[in-house]
Amino acid sequence: MIHKNWAELIKPQQLDVKPGNDPARQATVIAEPLERGFGLTMGNALRRVLMSSLQGAAITSVQIDNVLHEFSSVSGVREDVTDIVLNLKGVSLRMEVEGPKRLSISAKGPGVVTAGDISESAGIEILNRDHVICHLDDNADVYMELTVNTGKGYVAADKNKPEDAPIGLIPIDAIYSPVKKVSYDVQPTREGQVLDYDKLTMKIDTDGSITPEDAVAFAARILQDQLGIFVNFDEPESASRQDDDDGLEFNPLLLKKVDELELSVRSANCLKNDNIV
């Protein structure tokens, strides 16, 4: 009887994913019908996990030639170092390799230095290549070494500075989360003649390193994994047998030819006469 605690609850049959203006970054995900109250429970839990627990990549430190600290200025560069650091925080990237890794920027003026000027490396992709980092005047040049890493959530700058950091290394606050914004709304919906169910609508914006649909899938998997420890019993045998009976058992002999089956001559001839070979 205990399986009725979860087996008799209504479950959403499928997700309705509606892409936004930029399908790789924006989408609306709709799940219905849900038991009353489950829309709020699931929406809040998924939102928290989406914003805090998904793996992403970020720039964690920068070292600029002839710069000793973040309150300096660079000759021929319109922005001061503080502004450059803020702009580096806005660089979105995807890492398919374990960090930390080193990248660099080398540019000469006049011109605009963008994220697209960051050196390429295997397994690392810059997603917003038009993002502005700084502006160079005539005869100006700049060289930066960047450290990029993977992680989750928010990590303060002081945590990104190693004990043996060289002079001039400037740590940067790392916002690893690939999800930039999540909102959810719960509305009543119907199933058959019953109106007392929830409809969960989630709007998700990412940095492009992950699709909104995948982000929700990963968040749900995290919750599933974390909640598993609370289940202190095995699946009841009656429920398992019922699930097994739902599917028809397949007999591989059905794929064999009549001649390959060990049938009597009379049985084989009857099948062949009916064009069953």
C-alpha atoms as a PDB file:
ATOM      1  CA  MET A   1       0.000   0.000   0.000  1.00  0.00           C
ATOM      2  CA  ILE A   2       2.849   2.416   0.633  1.00  0.00           C
ATOM      3  CA  HIS A   3       3.488   2.860  -3.089  1.00  0.00           C
ATOM      4  CA  LYS A   4       0.163   4.694  -3.328  1.00  0.00           C
ATOM      5  CA  ASN A   5       1.833   7.627  -1.554  1.00  0.00           C
ATOM      6  CA  TRP A   6       3.582   8.512  -4.817  1.00  0.00           C
ATOM      7  CA  ALA A   7       2.050   6.279  -7.492  1.00  0.00           C
ATOM      8  CA  GLU A   8      -1.401   7.847  -7.313  1.00  0.00           C
ATOM      9  CA  LEU A   9      -0.189  11.446  -7.544  1.00  0.00           C
ATOM     10  CA  ILE A  10      -0.682  13.054 -10.929  1.00  0.00           C
ATOM     11  CA  LYS A  11       2.516  13.783 -12.860  1.00  0.00           C
ATOM     12  CA  PRO A  12       3.225  16.068 -15.826  1.00  0.00           C
ATOM     13  CA  GLN A  13       3.350  13.992 -18.995  1.00  0.00           C
ATOM     14  CA  GLN A  14       5.883  16.144 -20.872  1.00  0.00           C
ATOM     15  CA  LEU A  15       7.651  19.507 -20.815  1.00  0.00           C
ATOM     16  CA  ASP A  16       6.547  22.244 -23.181  1.00  0.00           C
ATOM     17  CA  VAL A  17       9.660  24.239 -24.129  1.00  0.00           C
ATOM     18  CA  LYS A  18       9.068  27.530 -25.955  1.00  0.00           C
ATOM     19  CA  PRO A  19      12.295  29.121 -27.288  1.00  0.00           C
ATOM     20  CA  GLY A  20      12.809  32.862 -26.801  1.00  0.00           C
ATOM     21  CA  ASN A  21      14.315  35.423 -29.172  1.00  0.00           C
ATOM     22  CA  ASP A  22      17.708  33.727 -28.734  1.00  0.00           C
ATOM     23  CA  PRO A  23      16.927  29.979 -28.453  1.00  0.00           C
ATOM     24  CA  ALA A  24      20.430  29.132 -27.193  1.00  0.00           C
ATOM     25  CA  ARG A  25      20.013  31.516 -24.249  1.00  0.00           C
ATOM     26  CA  GLN A  26      16.309  32.074 -23.591  1.00  0.00           C
ATOM     27  CA  ALA A  27      13.338  29.761 -23.187  1.00  0.00           C
ATOM     28  CA  THR A  28      10.082  29.286 -21.318  1.00  0.00           C
ATOM     29  CA  VAL A  29       9.552  25.829 -19.799  1.00  0.00           C
ATOM     30  CA  ILE A  30       6.021  24.742 -18.866  1.00  0.00           C
ATOM     31  CA  ALA A  31       5.111  21.679 -16.774  1.00  0.00           C
ATOM     32  CA  GLU A  32       1.506  20.632 -16.166  1.00  0.00           C
ATOM     33  CA  PRO A  33      -0.523  19.238 -14.534  1.00  0.00           C
ATOM     34  CA  LEU A  34       0.995  19.123 -11.055  1.00  0.00           C
ATOM     35  CA  GLU A  35      -0.650  18.327  -7.757  1.00  0.00           C
ATOM     36  CA  ARG A  36      -1.843  21.419  -5.940  1.00  0.00           C
ATOM     37  CA  GLY A  37       1.087  23.074  -4.146  1.00  0.00           C
ATOM     38  CA  PHE A  38       3.719  21.205  -6.147  1.00  0.00           C
ATOM     39  CA  GLY A  39       4.105  24.065  -8.614  1.00  0.00           C
ATOM     40  CA  LEU A  40       5.401  26.375  -5.894  1.00  0.00           C
ATOM     41  CA  THR A  41       7.511  23.646  -4.279  1.00  0.00           C
ATOM     42  CA  MET A  42       9.193  22.559  -7.510  1.00  0.00           C
ATOM     43  CA  GLY A  43       9.503  26.052  -8.971  1.00  0.00           C
ATOM     44  CA  ASN A  44      11.282  27.425  -5.907  1.00  0.00           C
ATOM     45  CA  ALA A  45      13.603  24.418  -5.583  1.00  0.00           C
ATOM     46  CA  LEU A  46      14.550  24.418  -9.274  1.00  0.00           C
ATOM     47  CA  ARG A  47      15.146  28.170  -9.284  1.00  0.00           C
ATOM     48  CA  ARG A  48      17.538  27.972  -6.329  1.00  0.00           C
ATOM     49  CA  VAL A  49      19.510  25.126  -7.872  1.00  0.00           C
ATOM     50  CA  LEU A  50      19.619  26.805 -11.291  1.00  0.00           C
ATOM     51  CA  MET A  51      21.079  29.993  -9.827  1.00  0.00           C
ATOM     52  CA  SER A  52      23.567  28.431  -7.416  1.00  0.00           C
ATOM     53  CA  SER A  53      24.638  24.916  -8.297  1.00  0.00           C
ATOM     54  CA  LEU A  54      25.292  24.473 -12.030  1.00  0.00           C
ATOM     55  CA  GLN A  55      28.887  24.260 -13.241  1.00  0.00           C
ATOM     56  CA  GLY A  56      30.228  27.086 -15.388  1.00  0.00           C
ATOM     57  CA  ALA A  57      33.432  28.921 -16.297  1.00  0.00           C
ATOM     58  CA  ALA A  58      34.780  32.385 -15.505  1.00  0.00           C
ATOM     59  CA  ILE A  59      37.913  34.541 -15.505  1.00  0.00           C
ATOM     60  CA  THR A  60      39.410  34.381 -12.006  1.00  0.00           C
ATOM     61  CA  SER A  61      42.458  36.675 -12.275  1.00  0.00           C
ATOM     62  CA  VAL A  62      44.347  39.000 -14.621  1.00  0.00           C
ATOM     63  CA  GLN A  63      47.926  40.210 -14.841  1.00  0.00           C
ATOM     64  CA  ILE A  64      48.579  43.329 -16.965  1.00  0.00           C
ATOM     65  CA  ASP A  65      52.047  44.396 -18.054  1.00  0.00           C
ATOM     66  CA  ASN A  66      53.429  47.298 -15.979  1.00  0.00           C
ATOM     67  CA  VAL A  67      50.466  47.213 -13.571  1.00  0.00           C
ATOM     68  CA  LEU A  68      51.005  46.454  -9.875  1.00  0.00           C
ATOM     69  CA  HIS A  69      47.457  46.706  -8.506  1.00  0.00           C
ATOM     70  CA  GLU A  70      43.839  47.281  -9.573  1.00  0.00           C
ATOM     71  CA  PHE A  71      43.902  51.004  -8.723  1.00  0.00           C
ATOM     72  CA  SER A  72      46.512  51.727 -11.380  1.00  0.00           C
ATOM     73  CA  SER A  73      46.051  53.116 -14.878  1.00  0.00           C
ATOM     74  CA  VAL A  74      47.574  51.936 -18.142  1.00  0.00           C
ATOM     75  CA  SER A  75      49.204  54.426 -20.490  1.00  0.00           C
ATOM     76  CA  GLY A  76      47.133  54.905 -23.643  1.00  0.00           C
ATOM     77  CA  VAL A  77      44.153  52.948 -22.294  1.00  0.00           C
ATOM     78  CA  ARG A  78      41.012  54.996 -21.673  1.00  0.00           C
ATOM     79  CA  GLU A  79      39.688  52.731 -18.920  1.00  0.00           C
ATOM     80  CA  ASP A  80      41.497  52.388 -15.616  1.00  0.00           C
ATOM     81  CA  VAL A  81      42.312  48.924 -14.294  1.00  0.00           C
ATOM     82  CA  THR A  82      39.190  48.785 -12.122  1.00  0.00           C
ATOM     83  CA  ASP A  83      36.992  49.251 -15.203  1.00  0.00           C
ATOM     84  CA  ILE A  84      38.987  46.651 -17.128  1.00  0.00           C
ATOM     85  CA  VAL A  85      38.435  44.152 -14.308  1.00  0.00           C
ATOM     86  CA  LEU A  86      34.696  44.873 -14.331  1.00  0.00           C
ATOM     87  CA  ASN A  87      34.591  44.321 -18.087  1.00  0.00           C
ATOM     88  CA  LEU A  88      36.473  41.031 -17.768  1.00  0.00           C
ATOM     89  CA  LYS A  89      33.771  39.795 -15.392  1.00  0.00           C
ATOM     90  CA  GLY A  90      31.314  40.123 -18.272  1.00  0.00           C
ATOM     91  CA  VAL A  91      33.180  37.713 -20.560  1.00  0.00           C
ATOM     92  CA  SER A  92      31.156  34.522 -21.111  1.00  0.00           C
ATOM     93  CA  LEU A  93      32.997  31.321 -21.919  1.00  0.00           C
ATOM     94  CA  ARG A  94      32.497  27.588 -22.210  1.00  0.00           C
ATOM     95  CA  MET A  95      35.185  25.208 -20.936  1.00  0.00           C
ATOM     96  CA  GLU A  96      35.256  21.547 -21.943  1.00  0.00           C
ATOM     97  CA  VAL A  97      38.518  20.965 -20.050  1.00  0.00           C
ATOM     98  CA  GLU A  98      39.473  21.069 -16.391  1.00  0.00           C
ATOM     99  CA  GLY A  99      40.960  24.331 -15.142  1.00  0.00           C
ATOM    100  CA  PRO A 100      42.704  26.447 -14.300  1.00  0.00           C
ATOM    101  CA  LYS A 101      43.976  27.496 -17.730  1.00  0.00           C
ATOM    102  CA  ARG A 102      45.933  30.530 -18.950  1.00  0.00           C
ATOM    103  CA  LEU A 103      44.821  32.782 -21.807  1.00  0.00           C
ATOM    104  CA  SER A 104      46.208  36.093 -23.027  1.00  0.00           C
ATOM    105  CA  ILE A 105      45.324  39.336 -24.806  1.00  0.00           C
ATOM    106  CA  SER A 106      47.832  41.252 -26.912  1.00  0.00           C
ATOM    107  CA  ALA A 107      46.594  44.353 -28.755  1.00  0.00           C
ATOM    108  CA  LYS A 108      47.843  47.635 -30.221  1.00  0.00           C
ATOM    109  CA  GLY A 109      45.970  50.908 -30.695  1.00  0.00           C
ATOM    110  CA  PRO A 110      44.127  52.686 -31.876  1.00  0.00           C
ATOM    111  CA  GLY A 111      41.126  50.419 -31.496  1.00  0.00           C
ATOM    112  CA  VAL A 112      38.762  48.524 -29.266  1.00  0.00           C
ATOM    113  CA  VAL A 113      39.846  45.432 -27.350  1.00  0.00           C
ATOM    114  CA  THR A 114      37.031  42.878 -27.172  1.00  0.00           C
ATOM    115  CA  ALA A 115      36.587  39.360 -25.833  1.00  0.00           C
ATOM    116  CA  GLY A 116      37.279  38.151 -29.365  1.00  0.00           C
ATOM    117  CA  ASP A 117      40.909  39.267 -28.918  1.00  0.00           C
ATOM    118  CA  ILE A 118      41.465  36.672 -26.191  1.00  0.00           C
ATOM    119  CA  SER A 119      43.828  33.961 -27.406  1.00  0.00           C
ATOM    120  CA  GLU A 120      42.200  30.684 -28.387  1.00  0.00           C
ATOM    121  CA  SER A 121      42.871  27.445 -26.544  1.00  0.00           C
ATOM    122  CA  ALA A 122      41.663  23.883 -27.077  1.00  0.00           C
ATOM    123  CA  GLY A 123      38.493  23.173 -25.132  1.00  0.00           C
ATOM    124  CA  ILE A 124      37.778  26.854 -24.341  1.00  0.00           C
ATOM    125  CA  GLU A 125      35.278  28.931 -26.327  1.00  0.00           C
ATOM    126  CA  ILE A 126      34.571  32.650 -25.921  1.00  0.00           C
ATOM    127  CA  LEU A 127      30.818  33.127 -26.348  1.00  0.00           C
ATOM    128  CA  ASN A 128      30.338  36.929 -26.403  1.00  0.00           C
ATOM    129  CA  ARG A 129      33.229  37.890 -28.666  1.00  0.00           C
ATOM    130  CA  ASP A 130      31.918  41.444 -29.190  1.00  0.00           C
ATOM    131  CA  HIS A 131      32.005  42.242 -25.461  1.00  0.00           C
ATOM    132  CA  VAL A 132      34.196  45.346 -24.954  1.00  0.00           C
ATOM    133  CA  ILE A 133      37.118  45.108 -22.524  1.00  0.00           C
ATOM    134  CA  CYS A 134      38.898  48.436 -23.127  1.00  0.00           C
ATOM    135  CA  HIS A 135      39.726  51.165 -25.691  1.00  0.00           C
ATOM    136  CA  LEU A 136      43.268  51.919 -26.884  1.00  0.00           C
ATOM    137  CA  ASP A 137      44.516  55.307 -28.076  1.00  0.00           C
ATOM    138  CA  ASP A 138      47.121  55.895 -30.807  1.00  0.00           C
ATOM    139  CA  ASN A 139      50.457  54.141 -30.222  1.00  0.00           C
ATOM    140  CA  ALA A 140      49.080  52.339 -27.159  1.00  0.00           C
ATOM    141  CA  ASP A 141      49.577  48.645 -26.583  1.00  0.00           C
ATOM    142  CA  VAL A 142      48.426  46.270 -23.879  1.00  0.00           C
ATOM    143  CA  TYR A 143      49.243  42.721 -22.856  1.00  0.00           C
ATOM    144  CA  MET A 144      47.223  40.754 -20.311  1.00  0.00           C
ATOM    145  CA  GLU A 145      47.419  37.205 -18.993  1.00  0.00           C
ATOM    146  CA  LEU A 146      44.109  35.758 -17.849  1.00  0.00           C
ATOM    147  CA  THR A 147      43.399  32.768 -15.632  1.00  0.00           C
ATOM    148  CA  VAL A 148      40.138  30.932 -16.328  1.00  0.00           C
ATOM    149  CA  ASN A 149      38.613  28.158 -14.262  1.00  0.00           C
ATOM    150  CA  THR A 150      35.465  26.117 -13.755  1.00  0.00           C
ATOM    151  CA  GLY A 151      33.259  26.095 -10.683  1.00  0.00           C
ATOM    152  CA  LYS A 152      29.777  26.845  -9.398  1.00  0.00           C
ATOM    153  CA  GLY A 153      28.030  29.793  -7.824  1.00  0.00           C
ATOM    154  CA  TYR A 154      29.908  32.905  -6.730  1.00  0.00           C
ATOM    155  CA  VAL A 155      33.514  32.959  -5.501  1.00  0.00           C
ATOM    156  CA  ALA A 156      34.941  36.169  -4.024  1.00  0.00           C
ATOM    157  CA  ALA A 157      38.155  37.647  -5.422  1.00  0.00           C
ATOM    158  CA  ASP A 158      40.218  36.919  -2.296  1.00  0.00           C
ATOM    159  CA  LYS A 159      39.500  33.195  -2.772  1.00  0.00           C
ATOM    160  CA  ASN A 160      40.967  33.368  -6.285  1.00  0.00           C
ATOM    161  CA  LYS A 161      44.380  34.637  -5.207  1.00  0.00           C
ATOM    162  CA  PRO A 162      46.878  31.820  -4.565  1.00  0.00           C
ATOM    163  CA  GLU A 163      49.340  32.136  -1.697  1.00  0.00           C
ATOM    164  CA  ASP A 164      52.287  32.216  -4.106  1.00  0.00           C
ATOM    165  CA  ALA A 165      50.667  34.794  -6.415  1.00  0.00           C
ATOM    166  CA  PRO A 166      53.219  36.965  -8.257  1.00  0.00           C
ATOM    167  CA  ILE A 167      53.267  40.729  -7.797  1.00  0.00           C
ATOM    168  CA  GLY A 168      50.709  42.350 -10.076  1.00  0.00           C
ATOM    169  CA  LEU A 169      48.262  39.430 -10.147  1.00  0.00           C
ATOM    170  CA  ILE A 170      44.762  40.879  -9.692  1.00  0.00           C
ATOM    171  CA  PRO A 171      42.107  38.396  -8.497  1.00  0.00           C
ATOM    172  CA  ILE A 172      38.587  38.758  -9.879  1.00  0.00           C
ATOM    173  CA  ASP A 173      35.202  37.858  -8.402  1.00  0.00           C
ATOM    174  CA  ALA A 174      34.063  34.762 -10.300  1.00  0.00           C
ATOM    175  CA  ILE A 175      30.400  34.298 -11.183  1.00  0.00           C
ATOM    176  CA  TYR A 176      30.446  30.740 -12.488  1.00  0.00           C
ATOM    177  CA  SER A 177      26.698  30.200 -12.851  1.00  0.00           C
ATOM    178  CA  PRO A 178      25.747  29.831 -16.539  1.00  0.00           C
ATOM    179  CA  VAL A 179      22.182  30.838 -15.628  1.00  0.00           C
ATOM    180  CA  LYS A 180      21.722  34.607 -15.531  1.00  0.00           C
ATOM    181  CA  LYS A 181      18.044  34.920 -14.668  1.00  0.00           C
ATOM    182  CA  VAL A 182      15.205  32.621 -13.601  1.00  0.00           C
ATOM    183  CA  SER A 183      11.610  33.453 -12.806  1.00  0.00           C
ATOM    184  CA  TYR A 184       8.638  31.181 -12.276  1.00  0.00           C
ATOM    185  CA  ASP A 185       4.879  31.505 -12.099  1.00  0.00           C
ATOM    186  CA  VAL A 186       2.212  29.084 -10.881  1.00  0.00           C
ATOM    187  CA  GLN A 187      -1.309  29.160 -12.278  1.00  0.00           C
ATOM    188  CA  PRO A 188      -4.307  26.827 -11.843  1.00  0.00           C
ATOM    189  CA  THR A 189      -4.938  24.323 -14.628  1.00  0.00           C
ATOM    190  CA  ARG A 190      -7.303  21.442 -15.345  1.00  0.00           C
ATOM    191  CA  GLU A 191      -6.971  17.741 -16.040  1.00  0.00           C
ATOM    192  CA  GLY A 192     -10.177  16.287 -17.396  1.00  0.00           C
ATOM    193  CA  GLN A 193     -12.982  17.683 -15.252  1.00  0.00           C
ATOM    194  CA  VAL A 194     -10.708  18.499 -12.307  1.00  0.00           C
ATOM    195  CA  LEU A 195      -9.593  22.134 -12.033  1.00  0.00           C
ATOM    196  CA  ASP A 196      -7.548  21.871  -8.840  1.00  0.00           C
ATOM    197  CA  TYR A 197      -4.072  21.371 -10.365  1.00  0.00           C
ATOM    198  CA  ASP A 198      -0.978  23.558 -10.834  1.00  0.00           C
ATOM    199  CA  LYS A 199       0.714  24.777 -14.004  1.00  0.00           C
ATOM    200  CA  LEU A 200       4.384  25.725 -13.536  1.00  0.00           C
ATOM    201  CA  THR A 201       5.916  28.206 -15.995  1.00  0.00           C
ATOM    202  CA  MET A 202       9.646  28.982 -15.766  1.00  0.00           C
ATOM    203  CA  LYS A 203      11.490  31.643 -17.780  1.00  0.00           C
ATOM    204  CA  ILE A 204      15.228  31.028 -18.003  1.00  0.00           C
ATOM    205  CA  ASP A 205      18.099  33.113 -19.407  1.00  0.00           C
ATOM    206  CA  THR A 206      21.612  31.646 -19.715  1.00  0.00           C
ATOM    207  CA  ASP A 207      24.973  32.950 -20.923  1.00  0.00           C
ATOM    208  CA  GLY A 208      24.899  30.635 -23.949  1.00  0.00           C
ATOM    209  CA  SER A 209      27.245  27.995 -22.552  1.00  0.00           C
ATOM    210  CA  ILE A 210      24.209  25.828 -21.832  1.00  0.00           C
ATOM    211  CA  THR A 211      20.667  25.813 -23.207  1.00  0.00           C
ATOM    212  CA  PRO A 212      17.783  26.637 -20.845  1.00  0.00           C
ATOM    213  CA  GLU A 213      16.281  23.178 -21.411  1.00  0.00           C
ATOM    214  CA  ASP A 214      19.545  21.463 -20.427  1.00  0.00           C
ATOM    215  CA  ALA A 215      19.911  23.774 -17.426  1.00  0.00           C
ATOM    216  CA  VAL A 216      16.521  22.634 -16.080  1.00  0.00           C
ATOM    217  CA  ALA A 217      17.433  18.997 -16.734  1.00  0.00           C
ATOM    218  CA  PHE A 218      20.712  19.327 -14.812  1.00  0.00           C
ATOM    219  CA  ALA A 219      18.994  21.124 -11.922  1.00  0.00           C
ATOM    220  CA  ALA A 220      16.350  18.389 -11.691  1.00  0.00           C
ATOM    221  CA  ARG A 221      19.082  15.733 -11.713  1.00  0.00           C
ATOM    222  CA  ILE A 222      20.876  17.498  -8.844  1.00  0.00           C
ATOM    223  CA  LEU A 223      17.670  17.537  -6.783  1.00  0.00           C
ATOM    224  CA  GLN A 224      17.016  13.887  -7.606  1.00  0.00           C
ATOM    225  CA  ASP A 225      20.502  12.934  -6.458  1.00  0.00           C
ATOM    226  CA  GLN A 226      20.305  14.972  -3.243  1.00  0.00           C
ATOM    227  CA  LEU A 227      16.861  13.658  -2.252  1.00  0.00           C
ATOM    228  CA  GLY A 228      17.749  10.001  -2.821  1.00  0.00           C
ATOM    229  CA  ILE A 229      19.326   9.681   0.635  1.00  0.00           C
ATOM    230  CA  PHE A 230      15.939  10.316   2.275  1.00  0.00           C
ATOM    231  CA  VAL A 231      14.347   7.214   0.698  1.00  0.00           C
ATOM    232  CA  ASN A 232      14.876   4.535   3.375  1.00  0.00           C
ATOM    233  CA  PHE A 233      13.066   1.608   1.722  1.00  0.00           C
ATOM    234  CA  ASP A 234      13.227  -0.557  -1.376  1.00  0.00           C
ATOM    235  CA  GLU A 235      10.574  -0.469  -4.066  1.00  0.00           C
ATOM    236  CA  PRO A 236       7.622  -2.673  -2.970  1.00  0.00           C
ATOM    237  CA  GLU A 237       7.557  -5.984  -4.890  1.00  0.00           C
ATOM    238  CA  SER A 238       3.904  -5.594  -5.842  1.00  0.00           C
ATOM    239  CA  ALA A 239       4.612  -2.227  -7.469  1.00  0.00           C
ATOM    240  CA  SER A 240       7.653  -3.631  -9.290  1.00  0.00           C
ATOM    241  CA  ARG A 241       5.630  -6.570 -10.645  1.00  0.00           C
ATOM    242  CA  GLN A 242       2.894  -4.239 -11.784  1.00  0.00           C
ATOM    243  CA  ASP A 243       5.433  -2.142 -13.700  1.00  0.00           C
ATOM    244  CA  ASP A 244       6.873  -5.294 -15.284  1.00  0.00           C
ATOM    245  CA  ASP A 245       3.433  -6.466 -16.383  1.00  0.00           C
ATOM    246  CA  ASP A 246       2.794  -3.209 -18.188  1.00  0.00           C
ATOM    247  CA  GLY A 247       5.175  -4.223 -20.975  1.00  0.00           C
ATOM    248  CA  LEU A 248       4.696  -7.233 -23.283  1.00  0.00           C
ATOM    249  CA  GLU A 249       7.408  -9.864 -23.076  1.00  0.00           C
ATOM    250  CA  PHE A 250       9.195 -10.316 -26.408  1.00  0.00           C
ATOM    251  CA  ASN A 251      10.053 -13.811 -27.631  1.00  0.00           C
ATOM    252  CA  PRO A 252      13.174 -13.833 -29.861  1.00  0.00           C
ATOM    253  CA  LEU A 253      11.893 -17.008 -31.596  1.00  0.00           C
ATOM    254  CA  LEU A 254       9.444 -14.790 -33.460  1.00  0.00           C
ATOM    255  CA  LEU A 255      12.350 -13.471 -35.543  1.00  0.00           C
ATOM    256  CA  LYS A 256      13.415 -16.907 -36.774  1.00  0.00           C
ATOM    257  CA  LYS A 257      12.346 -18.548 -40.029  1.00  0.00           C
ATOM    258  CA  VAL A 258      10.026 -21.554 -39.946  1.00  0.00           C
ATOM    259  CA  ASP A 259      12.828 -23.816 -41.208  1.00  0.00           C
ATOM    260  CA  GLU A 260      14.986 -22.798 -38.234  1.00  0.00           C
ATOM    261  CA  LEU A 261      12.327 -23.793 -35.693  1.00  0.00           C
ATOM    262  CA  GLU A 262      12.212 -27.351 -34.383  1.00  0.00           C
ATOM    263  CA  LEU A 263       8.634 -27.991 -35.490  1.00  0.00           C
ATOM    264  CA  SER A 264       6.951 -31.162 -36.623  1.00  0.00           C
ATOM    265  CA  VAL A 265       6.582 -31.657 -40.380  1.00  0.00           C
ATOM    266  CA  ARG A 266       2.827 -31.145 -40.172  1.00  0.00           C
ATOM    267  CA  SER A 267       3.136 -27.878 -38.201  1.00  0.00           C
ATOM    268  CA  ALA A 268       5.787 -26.518 -40.551  1.00  0.00           C
ATOM    269  CA  ASN A 269       3.697 -27.353 -43.634  1.00  0.00           C
ATOM    270  CA  CYS A 270       0.620 -25.652 -42.144  1.00  0.00           C
ATOM    271  CA  LEU A 271       2.580 -22.437 -41.605  1.00  0.00           C
ATOM    272  CA  LYS A 272       4.112 -22.517 -45.087  1.00  0.00           C
ATOM    273  CA  ASN A 273       0.694 -23.111 -46.690  1.00  0.00           C
ATOM    274  CA  ASP A 274      -0.432 -19.842 -45.092  1.00  0.00           C
ATOM    275  CA  ASN A 275       2.658 -18.076 -46.497  1.00  0.00           C
ATOM    276  CA  ILE A 276       4.296 -17.900 -43.083  1.00  0.00           C
ATOM    277  CA  VAL A 277       7.947 -18.622 -43.738  1.00  0.00           C
END
